[in-house]
Protein backbone atom coordinates (compact mmCIF):
# COMPACT_ATOMS: atom_id res chain seq x y z
CA MET A 1 32.40 44.67 38.23
CA GLU A 2 33.88 44.91 41.38
CA GLN A 3 36.89 46.93 40.05
CA TYR A 4 34.55 49.12 37.99
CA GLU A 5 32.75 50.00 40.82
CA TYR A 6 35.80 50.35 43.41
CA ILE A 7 37.39 53.01 40.74
CA ARG A 8 34.58 55.10 40.58
CA THR A 9 33.53 55.13 44.23
CA ALA A 10 36.99 56.10 45.32
CA HIS A 11 37.59 58.67 42.84
CA ARG A 12 33.78 60.58 43.39
CA VAL A 13 33.19 59.50 46.52
CA TYR A 14 36.35 59.25 48.51
CA GLY A 15 38.15 61.90 46.01
CA LYS A 16 41.18 59.92 45.62
CA SER A 17 43.59 60.65 42.80
CA ILE A 18 43.80 58.24 40.18
CA ARG A 19 47.55 57.88 40.79
CA GLN A 20 46.45 56.64 44.27
CA ILE A 21 43.91 54.62 42.72
CA GLN A 22 46.59 53.04 40.16
CA LYS A 23 48.90 52.07 43.42
CA ASP A 24 45.85 50.65 45.24
CA THR A 25 44.35 48.37 42.15
CA GLY A 26 47.42 47.84 39.74
CA HIS A 27 45.37 49.24 36.88
CA SER A 28 46.83 51.40 34.17
CA ARG A 29 46.09 54.91 34.51
CA VAL A 30 44.59 54.56 30.86
CA THR A 31 42.17 52.28 32.15
CA ILE A 32 41.16 54.15 35.42
CA ARG A 33 40.39 57.37 33.17
CA LYS A 34 38.04 54.91 30.94
CA VAL A 35 36.22 53.75 33.69
CA LEU A 36 35.77 57.45 35.42
CA GLN A 37 34.83 58.77 31.92
CA GLY A 38 32.34 55.61 30.76
CA GLU A 39 29.61 52.96 31.87
CA VAL A 40 30.40 49.26 32.44
CA PRO A 41 32.55 48.06 29.56
CA GLU A 42 31.38 45.24 27.70
CA TYR A 43 33.18 42.14 26.31
CA LYS A 44 33.10 42.72 22.19
CA ARG A 45 33.58 39.30 20.43
CA ARG A 46 35.83 40.00 17.50
CA LYS A 47 34.41 39.38 14.07
CA ARG A 48 36.93 36.92 13.04
CA GLN A 49 39.10 34.68 15.30
CA THR A 50 42.68 34.49 13.76
CA TYR A 51 45.39 32.12 14.41
CA PRO A 52 48.83 34.19 13.41
CA VAL A 53 51.00 31.28 14.62
CA LEU A 54 48.44 28.23 13.65
CA GLU A 55 47.54 29.54 10.05
CA LYS A 56 49.58 27.69 8.01
CA HIS A 57 49.33 24.69 9.78
CA ARG A 58 45.29 24.69 9.49
CA SER A 59 45.59 22.58 6.07
CA LYS A 60 47.23 20.02 7.51
CA ILE A 61 45.64 19.71 11.09
CA GLU A 62 42.07 19.02 8.74
CA GLN A 63 43.60 16.67 6.62
CA TRP A 64 44.90 14.60 9.51
CA LEU A 65 41.29 14.54 10.95
CA LEU A 66 39.87 13.44 7.57
CA GLU A 67 42.05 10.74 7.60
CA ASP A 68 41.10 9.48 10.72
CA GLU A 69 37.75 8.53 9.66
CA ALA A 70 38.83 5.68 8.32
CA SER A 71 40.99 4.59 10.97
CA PRO A 72 39.90 2.78 14.60
CA LYS A 73 38.62 4.80 17.01
CA LYS A 74 41.26 4.29 19.54
CA GLN A 75 43.99 4.98 17.46
CA ARG A 76 42.97 8.77 15.83
CA HIS A 77 44.53 11.84 16.57
CA THR A 78 44.05 13.45 19.81
CA ALA A 79 44.65 17.50 19.96
CA ARG A 80 47.57 16.39 22.09
CA ARG A 81 49.27 14.11 19.33
CA ILE A 82 48.27 16.86 16.61
CA TYR A 83 50.19 19.39 18.80
CA THR A 84 53.48 16.98 19.43
CA ARG A 85 53.25 15.94 15.69
CA LEU A 86 53.55 20.08 14.48
CA VAL A 87 56.21 20.49 17.07
CA ASP A 88 58.14 17.32 15.92
CA GLU A 89 57.83 17.50 12.29
CA ASP A 90 57.09 21.34 11.45
CA GLY A 91 58.61 23.32 14.62
CA PHE A 92 55.41 24.57 15.42
CA LEU A 93 56.34 27.56 18.35
CA GLY A 94 52.68 28.16 19.17
CA SER A 95 50.82 27.14 22.54
CA GLU A 96 48.79 23.84 22.80
CA VAL A 97 45.87 25.56 23.96
CA ASN A 98 45.20 27.39 20.60
CA VAL A 99 46.23 24.03 18.92
CA ARG A 100 43.24 22.39 21.20
CA ARG A 101 40.48 25.25 20.46
CA TYR A 102 41.25 24.68 16.91
CA VAL A 103 41.13 20.99 16.59
CA ARG A 104 37.63 21.31 18.77
CA LEU A 105 36.41 23.80 16.22
CA ALA A 106 37.37 21.92 13.29
CA LYS A 107 35.62 18.74 14.41
CA ALA A 108 32.46 20.55 15.00
CA ARG A 109 32.53 22.49 11.78
CA THR A 110 33.13 19.19 9.93
CA GLY A 111 30.55 17.12 12.17
CA MET A 112 33.32 14.65 13.65
CA GLY A 113 32.63 15.44 17.08
CA SER A 114 28.71 14.53 16.91
CA SER A 115 29.14 10.85 17.65
CA GLY A 116 27.62 11.88 21.41
CA VAL A 117 24.07 13.03 20.27
CA PHE A 118 21.09 11.02 20.65
CA LEU A 119 17.69 11.08 19.02
CA VAL A 120 14.53 10.59 20.68
CA LEU A 121 12.35 7.92 19.83
CA ASP A 122 8.65 7.29 19.67
CA PRO A 123 8.46 3.22 18.93
CA ASP A 124 5.49 1.83 17.18
CA CYS A 125 3.00 -0.24 19.62
CA GLY A 126 3.84 -3.73 19.89
CA LYS A 127 6.57 -3.68 17.19
CA GLU A 128 9.83 -3.81 18.85
CA ALA A 129 11.77 -5.29 21.86
CA GLU A 130 15.17 -5.05 23.04
CA ALA A 131 17.15 -8.12 24.59
CA ASP A 132 20.78 -8.38 26.85
CA TRP A 133 22.74 -10.21 29.51
CA GLY A 134 23.58 -8.78 32.91
CA ARG A 135 25.92 -9.64 35.49
CA GLY A 136 25.26 -9.92 39.16
CA VAL A 137 25.73 -11.89 42.49
CA ALA A 138 23.73 -14.16 44.61
CA ILE A 139 24.42 -16.36 47.49
CA ILE A 140 22.93 -19.73 46.49
CA ARG A 141 22.65 -22.73 49.10
CA GLY A 142 25.55 -20.56 51.30
CA VAL A 143 27.67 -20.04 48.17
CA LYS A 144 28.59 -16.79 46.78
CA THR A 145 27.70 -17.41 42.89
CA PRO A 146 28.09 -15.24 39.81
CA VAL A 147 24.63 -14.70 38.37
CA HIS A 148 23.89 -14.02 34.66
CA PHE A 149 20.56 -12.29 34.46
CA PHE A 150 18.64 -11.99 30.86
CA CYS A 151 16.50 -8.91 30.42
CA MET A 152 13.89 -8.46 27.67
CA ARG A 153 11.94 -5.35 27.31
CA SER A 154 8.94 -3.73 25.45
CA ARG A 155 10.16 -0.57 23.37
CA PHE A 156 6.69 0.78 23.90
CA SER A 157 5.15 -0.27 27.15
CA GLY A 158 8.27 -0.52 28.96
CA LYS A 159 7.40 -4.02 30.28
CA HIS A 160 10.12 -6.18 30.89
CA PHE A 161 11.27 -9.87 31.76
CA VAL A 162 14.24 -10.79 33.94
CA ARG A 163 15.47 -14.37 34.28
CA ALA A 164 18.65 -15.41 36.18
CA TYR A 165 21.08 -18.46 34.74
CA PRO A 166 24.53 -19.56 35.90
CA CYS A 167 26.07 -18.91 32.49
CA GLU A 168 24.94 -17.31 29.18
CA LYS A 169 25.47 -20.47 26.81
CA GLN A 170 23.08 -20.78 23.89
CA GLU A 171 20.82 -23.36 25.52
CA ALA A 172 20.36 -20.30 28.41
CA PHE A 173 19.88 -17.69 25.75
CA PHE A 174 16.82 -19.82 24.15
CA ASP A 175 15.65 -21.06 27.39
CA ALA A 176 15.32 -17.07 28.68
CA HIS A 177 13.45 -16.19 25.34
CA ILE A 178 10.64 -19.15 25.57
CA HIS A 179 10.25 -17.94 29.30
CA ALA A 180 10.24 -14.24 28.22
CA PHE A 181 7.48 -15.13 25.26
CA ASP A 182 5.59 -16.85 27.84
CA PHE A 183 5.64 -14.16 30.37
CA PHE A 184 4.54 -11.46 27.67
CA GLY A 185 1.86 -13.80 26.05
CA GLY A 186 3.28 -13.46 22.69
CA ILE A 187 6.14 -12.60 20.51
CA PHE A 188 7.43 -9.27 19.17
CA PRO A 189 7.65 -8.80 15.74
CA THR A 190 11.60 -7.29 15.95
CA ILE A 191 14.12 -8.04 18.81
CA VAL A 192 17.17 -5.90 18.88
CA TYR A 193 20.32 -7.40 19.97
CA ASP A 194 24.31 -6.94 20.54
CA ASN A 195 26.41 -8.96 18.42
CA LEU A 196 26.48 -11.71 21.36
CA THR A 197 28.10 -14.94 19.98
CA SER A 198 24.75 -17.11 20.94
CA ALA A 199 23.16 -15.66 17.49
CA VAL A 200 26.09 -14.09 15.28
CA GLN A 201 28.60 -15.91 13.83
CA LYS A 202 30.15 -13.30 11.94
CA VAL A 203 29.74 -9.46 11.88
CA LEU A 204 30.03 -7.95 8.24
CA GLN A 205 29.72 -4.88 6.88
CA GLY A 206 27.16 -2.48 7.60
CA HIS A 207 24.06 -4.50 9.18
CA HIS A 208 24.89 -7.83 7.45
CA ARG A 209 25.79 -10.70 9.76
CA ILE A 210 26.22 -14.33 9.44
CA LEU A 211 23.97 -16.04 12.07
CA GLN A 212 24.44 -19.34 14.09
CA GLU A 213 22.63 -22.14 12.49
CA SER A 214 20.80 -22.91 15.76
CA PHE A 215 19.69 -19.38 16.05
CA ARG A 216 18.32 -19.28 12.72
CA ARG A 217 16.25 -22.42 13.38
CA PHE A 218 15.06 -20.80 16.81
CA ARG A 219 14.06 -17.37 15.15
CA ALA A 220 12.49 -19.02 12.55
CA TYR A 221 10.21 -21.26 14.68
CA TYR A 222 8.89 -18.04 16.50
CA ASN A 223 8.79 -16.15 13.30
CA PHE A 224 10.61 -13.03 14.85
CA GLU A 225 13.07 -10.62 13.22
CA PRO A 226 16.05 -10.00 14.75
CA ARG A 227 18.18 -6.78 14.20
CA PHE A 228 21.87 -5.85 15.65
CA CYS A 229 23.39 -3.12 16.67
CA ASN A 230 26.41 -1.68 15.37
CA PRO A 231 29.63 -2.84 16.89
CA GLY A 232 30.29 -0.79 20.31
CA CYS A 233 26.94 0.85 20.03
CA GLY A 234 24.93 -0.59 23.29
CA HIS A 235 23.40 2.57 23.35
CA GLU A 236 21.09 1.69 20.29
CA LYS A 237 19.25 -0.50 22.59
CA GLY A 238 19.24 1.91 25.62
CA GLY A 239 16.25 0.61 27.18
CA THR A 240 17.54 -2.67 28.16
CA GLU A 241 20.81 -1.23 28.94
CA GLY A 242 19.04 0.76 31.28
CA LEU A 243 17.02 -1.88 32.55
CA VAL A 244 20.13 -4.31 33.49
CA GLY A 245 21.44 -1.48 35.76
CA TYR A 246 18.11 -0.97 37.14
CA ALA A 247 17.23 -4.80 37.74
CA ARG A 248 20.59 -4.98 39.34
CA ARG A 249 20.14 -2.30 41.81
CA ASN A 250 16.53 -3.08 42.75
CA TYR A 251 16.02 -6.58 42.14
CA MET A 252 19.55 -7.57 43.45
CA VAL A 253 19.99 -5.63 46.10
CA PRO A 254 20.54 -6.62 48.95
CA VAL A 255 22.24 -9.46 47.54
CA PRO A 256 19.71 -12.39 47.44
CA VAL A 257 19.86 -15.35 49.22
CA VAL A 258 18.09 -18.38 48.16
CA ALA A 259 18.32 -22.27 47.89
CA SER A 260 18.35 -22.58 43.94
CA PHE A 261 18.12 -20.68 40.86
CA ALA A 262 14.76 -21.72 40.57
CA ASP A 263 13.82 -19.77 43.84
CA LEU A 264 15.70 -16.54 42.54
CA ASN A 265 13.85 -16.48 39.35
CA GLU A 266 10.46 -16.99 41.31
CA LYS A 267 11.72 -13.54 43.14
CA LEU A 268 12.90 -12.02 40.13
CA LEU A 269 9.51 -12.70 38.35
CA GLY A 270 7.52 -11.49 41.38
CA SER A 271 9.60 -8.12 40.96
CA CYS A 272 8.93 -8.10 37.17
CA LEU A 273 5.21 -8.33 37.58
CA ARG A 274 5.18 -5.66 40.40
CA TYR A 275 6.78 -3.50 37.76
CA GLY A 276 3.48 -3.13 35.85
CA GLU A 277 2.29 -0.42 38.32
CA HIS A 278 5.24 1.69 37.29
CA ARG A 279 4.63 4.86 35.35
CA LEU A 280 7.60 5.86 32.67
CA PRO A 281 8.50 9.33 32.56
CA GLY A 282 6.20 11.40 30.25
CA ARG A 283 3.55 9.08 30.18
CA THR A 284 0.08 9.11 31.77
CA GLU A 285 -0.63 5.41 31.91
CA THR A 286 0.96 2.66 33.85
CA VAL A 287 3.09 -0.12 32.44
CA ALA A 288 0.45 -2.50 32.82
CA VAL A 289 -2.12 -0.31 30.72
CA LEU A 290 0.15 0.15 28.05
CA PHE A 291 1.28 -3.45 27.57
CA GLU A 292 -2.63 -4.44 27.54
CA ARG A 293 -2.95 -2.16 24.55
CA GLU A 294 0.10 -3.64 22.74
CA ARG A 295 -0.56 -7.37 23.61
CA GLU A 296 -3.10 -7.77 20.72
CA HIS A 297 -0.22 -6.87 18.22
CA LEU A 298 2.34 -9.58 19.19
CA ILE A 299 2.77 -12.68 17.36
CA ALA A 300 0.93 -15.76 18.72
CA LEU A 301 2.74 -18.35 20.52
CA PRO A 302 3.00 -21.79 18.89
CA ALA A 303 1.38 -24.67 20.30
CA VAL A 304 4.64 -26.56 21.17
CA PRO A 305 7.49 -24.82 22.67
CA PHE A 306 10.88 -25.16 20.79
CA SER A 307 12.96 -27.97 21.84
CA ASN A 308 15.67 -26.60 23.43
CA GLN A 309 18.11 -29.36 23.50
CA ARG A 310 21.75 -29.71 22.10
CA ILE A 311 22.96 -33.05 21.36
CA ILE A 312 26.86 -33.74 21.06
CA GLU A 313 28.95 -36.99 20.22
CA ALA A 314 31.78 -38.21 22.85
CA LYS A 315 33.87 -41.31 23.93
CA VAL A 316 34.01 -42.40 26.95
CA ASN A 317 37.74 -41.74 28.52
CA LYS A 318 39.67 -44.19 30.83
CA TYR A 319 38.34 -42.35 33.83
CA ALA A 320 34.45 -43.78 32.96
CA THR A 321 33.66 -40.19 32.09
CA VAL A 322 32.67 -37.93 29.13
CA MET A 323 33.96 -34.49 28.99
CA VAL A 324 31.07 -31.60 27.96
CA ASP A 325 32.03 -28.01 28.07
CA LYS A 326 35.18 -28.64 29.79
CA ASN A 327 33.45 -30.49 32.48
CA HIS A 328 33.62 -34.46 33.38
CA TYR A 329 30.40 -36.65 33.74
CA SER A 330 30.51 -40.29 34.86
CA ILE A 331 29.11 -42.94 33.34
CA PRO A 332 29.06 -47.19 34.25
CA ALA A 333 32.67 -48.06 34.06
CA SER A 334 31.63 -50.84 31.85
CA TYR A 335 31.31 -48.35 28.80
CA THR A 336 34.89 -47.24 29.12
CA GLY A 337 36.24 -46.84 25.41
CA LEU A 338 32.79 -46.63 23.48
CA SER A 339 31.30 -43.70 21.68
CA VAL A 340 28.23 -42.26 23.30
CA ARG A 341 25.42 -39.61 22.57
CA ALA A 342 25.03 -36.57 25.37
CA GLN A 343 21.83 -34.52 25.13
CA LEU A 344 22.00 -31.51 26.82
CA THR A 345 19.45 -28.90 28.60
CA ILE A 346 19.75 -25.77 30.22
CA ASP A 347 20.05 -27.93 33.48
CA GLU A 348 20.38 -31.40 32.95
CA LEU A 349 22.70 -33.84 30.65
CA GLU A 350 21.58 -37.16 29.80
CA ILE A 351 24.04 -39.92 28.29
CA PHE A 352 22.80 -42.64 25.63
CA TYR A 353 24.54 -45.51 24.41
CA GLU A 354 22.62 -47.37 21.30
CA GLY A 355 19.09 -45.53 22.46
CA LYS A 356 19.62 -46.65 26.03
CA LYS A 357 19.70 -44.11 28.76
CA ILE A 358 22.96 -45.17 30.72
CA ALA A 359 23.54 -41.98 32.83
CA SER A 360 21.71 -38.64 33.85
CA HIS A 361 23.35 -35.66 35.82
CA GLU A 362 22.59 -32.11 36.70
CA ARG A 363 24.25 -29.79 34.24
CA LEU A 364 27.84 -28.41 35.37
CA PHE A 365 28.75 -24.53 34.52
CA GLY A 366 32.67 -23.69 34.69
CA ASN A 367 35.81 -25.33 33.57
CA ASN A 368 37.35 -28.63 35.12
CA LYS A 369 34.31 -29.82 37.30
CA TRP A 370 33.57 -33.54 37.91
CA GLN A 371 30.06 -34.86 38.15
CA LEU A 372 30.37 -38.26 39.33
CA ASP A 373 27.98 -40.98 40.43
CA PRO A 374 29.42 -42.96 43.07
CA GLN A 375 26.97 -46.24 41.56
CA HIS A 376 28.85 -46.31 38.51
CA TYR A 377 32.39 -46.79 40.22
CA LEU A 378 31.49 -49.23 42.90
CA GLU A 379 32.16 -52.54 41.15
CA LEU A 380 35.53 -51.03 39.94
CA ILE A 381 36.68 -50.00 43.31
CA ARG A 382 35.38 -53.63 44.92
CA ARG A 383 38.37 -54.83 42.83
CA LYS A 384 40.68 -52.44 43.85
CA PRO A 385 39.89 -51.87 47.50
CA GLY A 386 43.23 -50.43 48.20
CA ALA A 387 42.07 -47.08 46.19
CA PHE A 388 38.83 -46.80 48.67
CA ASP A 389 39.98 -43.85 50.87
CA SER A 390 41.54 -41.98 47.98
CA ALA A 391 38.97 -42.38 45.11
CA LEU A 392 37.54 -38.71 44.36
CA VAL A 393 34.03 -40.03 43.84
CA ILE A 394 34.19 -41.66 47.64
CA ARG A 395 36.00 -38.15 48.63
CA GLN A 396 32.99 -36.31 47.14
CA TRP A 397 29.94 -38.71 48.53
CA ARG A 398 31.63 -39.42 52.03
CA PRO A 399 30.94 -36.17 53.70
CA ALA A 400 27.22 -36.64 52.99
CA TRP A 401 27.11 -40.20 54.76
CA PRO A 402 25.29 -40.83 58.12
CA SER A 403 27.26 -41.36 60.99
CA CYS A 404 25.97 -44.88 60.91
CA LEU A 405 27.69 -45.71 57.85
CA GLU A 406 31.13 -44.94 59.15
CA LYS A 407 30.61 -47.14 61.91
CA LEU A 408 29.53 -49.86 59.89
CA LEU A 409 32.91 -49.59 57.92
CA GLY A 410 34.62 -49.89 60.87
CA ARG A 411 33.00 -52.96 62.45
CA PHE A 412 34.01 -54.66 59.00
CA LYS A 413 37.35 -53.66 59.07
CA GLU A 414 37.56 -55.01 62.56
CA LYS A 415 35.73 -58.30 62.11
CA GLN A 416 36.85 -59.34 58.55
CA GLY A 417 40.15 -57.46 58.03
CA GLU A 418 41.01 -54.05 56.27
CA THR A 419 40.91 -55.57 52.51
CA ALA A 420 37.76 -57.75 53.26
CA GLY A 421 35.98 -55.45 55.06
CA ILE A 422 36.30 -52.77 52.79
CA LYS A 423 35.02 -55.01 49.80
CA ASP A 424 32.01 -56.03 51.82
CA PHE A 425 31.22 -52.43 53.13
CA ILE A 426 31.17 -51.44 49.37
CA ALA A 427 28.31 -54.46 48.87
CA VAL A 428 26.06 -52.04 51.39
CA LEU A 429 26.73 -49.31 49.48
CA MET A 430 25.76 -50.89 45.87
CA LEU A 431 22.17 -51.53 48.11
CA TYR A 432 21.71 -47.74 47.56
CA ARG A 433 20.86 -48.65 43.95
CA GLU A 434 17.79 -50.63 45.17
CA HIS A 435 16.71 -48.80 48.18
CA THR A 436 16.11 -45.75 49.67
CA ALA A 437 18.43 -43.85 52.08
CA GLU A 438 15.92 -43.80 54.73
CA GLU A 439 15.68 -47.96 54.47
CA ILE A 440 19.45 -48.54 54.24
CA GLU A 441 20.08 -46.09 57.22
CA ALA A 442 17.21 -47.80 59.52
CA ALA A 443 18.75 -51.23 58.37
CA VAL A 444 22.11 -50.38 59.39
CA GLU A 445 21.21 -48.86 62.62
CA LEU A 446 19.53 -52.26 63.41
CA ALA A 447 22.41 -54.36 62.06
CA LEU A 448 24.60 -52.10 64.61
CA SER A 449 22.38 -52.98 67.54
CA ASN A 450 22.33 -56.60 66.80
CA SER A 451 25.88 -57.13 65.99
CA ILE A 452 25.62 -57.92 62.38
CA SER A 453 29.26 -57.59 60.83
CA ASN A 454 28.71 -58.20 57.11
CA SER A 455 26.27 -57.22 54.28
CA GLU A 456 24.47 -60.20 53.65
CA GLY A 457 22.90 -59.67 56.99
CA ILE A 458 21.91 -56.29 56.00
CA ARG A 459 20.71 -57.28 52.92
CA HIS A 460 18.26 -59.75 54.87
CA LEU A 461 16.88 -56.81 57.06
CA LEU A 462 16.14 -54.93 53.99
CA LEU A 463 14.36 -57.92 52.12
CA TYR A 464 12.25 -58.68 55.19
CA SER A 465 11.51 -55.28 55.84
CA ALA A 466 9.94 -54.97 53.06
CA CYS A 467 7.89 -57.75 53.16
CA PRO A 468 5.61 -57.74 56.11
CA GLU A 469 3.68 -61.02 57.33
CA GLU A 470 0.37 -61.11 55.41
CA THR A 471 -2.82 -63.04 56.40
CA PHE A 472 -5.47 -64.25 54.19
CA ALA A 473 -9.26 -64.31 54.80
CA PRO A 474 -11.23 -67.97 54.26
CA LEU A 475 -12.49 -68.34 51.03
CA ASP A 476 -16.43 -68.31 50.85
CA GLY A 477 -18.39 -71.30 51.31
CA TRP A 478 -15.59 -72.98 53.05
CA PRO A 479 -15.95 -73.94 56.68
CA VAL A 480 -13.34 -72.16 59.08
CA THR A 481 -11.14 -74.88 60.15
CA LEU A 482 -10.64 -74.79 64.32
CA VAL A 483 -7.00 -75.34 65.63
CA PRO A 484 -7.43 -78.63 67.22
CA ASP A 485 -6.40 -78.93 71.15
CA VAL A 486 -3.33 -81.10 71.35
CA ALA A 487 -3.79 -81.56 75.30
CA LEU A 488 -6.72 -83.96 74.07
CA TYR A 489 -4.53 -86.43 72.12
CA GLY A 490 -3.05 -87.12 75.91
CA GLU A 491 -6.30 -88.85 76.88
CA LEU A 492 -6.53 -91.04 74.30
CA GLY A 493 -5.67 -94.99 75.08
CA VAL A 494 -2.83 -97.03 74.19
CA VAL A 495 -3.93 -99.23 71.59
CA ARG A 496 -2.49 -102.84 72.00
């Protein structure tokens, strides 16, 4: 438009010749005359876009694109690859730009390029929910800790539930569902998932799946129907995909600083409840109001929650531990070599031998971690006092000792010698089985101040501190016995 205006103004207003305008603009005289004779020229689309050089290759390109439908998505022809094949195999002399343009048009004409098109859905009230996992970071007990948070969201109302765990194991997966169902006050008839291994053992053709046996029992207990997305199509549950990002940006920024996962989950629960005042785009009612309408359509909760436990058989190894999920848990050394049963929940592990519980531990997550109870090894270390300082269980426990225990150990070694002192000190450590840490610490402080240098002295201090002197009232009807004055015996005469 600027050139059109310049040419007409230069000629009609300033009287410049066509030759001069040609020098100024670089346009040909034919073009300049057309501008001077007519109105603004408009672009006219050709009735049919031709590909003179590419014409004889078009059928081959379309055949390649058709064959790609049966190939993996990451191993299909790009426009660049089609161009290089035409050059290498057919001696194609045209430009890559024309090949790209034709490939784009061919895909649009055959519907091959429509995978990015989405439908707007209007879900039924109280029928479906979506579930997924997200990941973040929290500072727990002063340590930067990876966090896996479970999200469940109603498709109709948008009400959602978020809960954090140290892992995505099946016990966490089930536990998250149990808490989510309790939060919603019922069970959605249909829940949409990815093909996560906690639920799916094998993905078959189409929508067929072989489910994990434990997941089949879980869904049968709660009577909901799982539906799984096509592989690589997480957008089929876009609501919870968006919730994962929303929860990470809004509930975990700034990075939470908490004492435990329980504290973190309390904060997340509060955030989920406050979201009830939120209003979704295009909706006139809040999330909480919509959900109240939806609640009556949910399946009622069973009277007793699902027993979320996993039981495995294990053998006690030579380190007096059993390995569960690639982590070691100690048991009393006397059970070494025996087969035991481990009962796992999301946060605890209990070990049984012939129906008797012999150990209980906090659940570990990760690989090659050791959860050792010092009381399980003290008899063994007492028989091998030379291993006291280097034993892993003592190294883990020792930083938590009060300073009085270290002083007591030093006194025992000084008075009894290195080996005997360590053995006698271990006898003091065994007292933790029967007494509280506060009682033992008080007895040790008293022993140090009174120069007591053996475990028997500390044992007696604990024994008598637990048994204060008792006084008894006289029995009803019995006279009160007066204490005699022994000085009166001196006034008695001597009998001859």
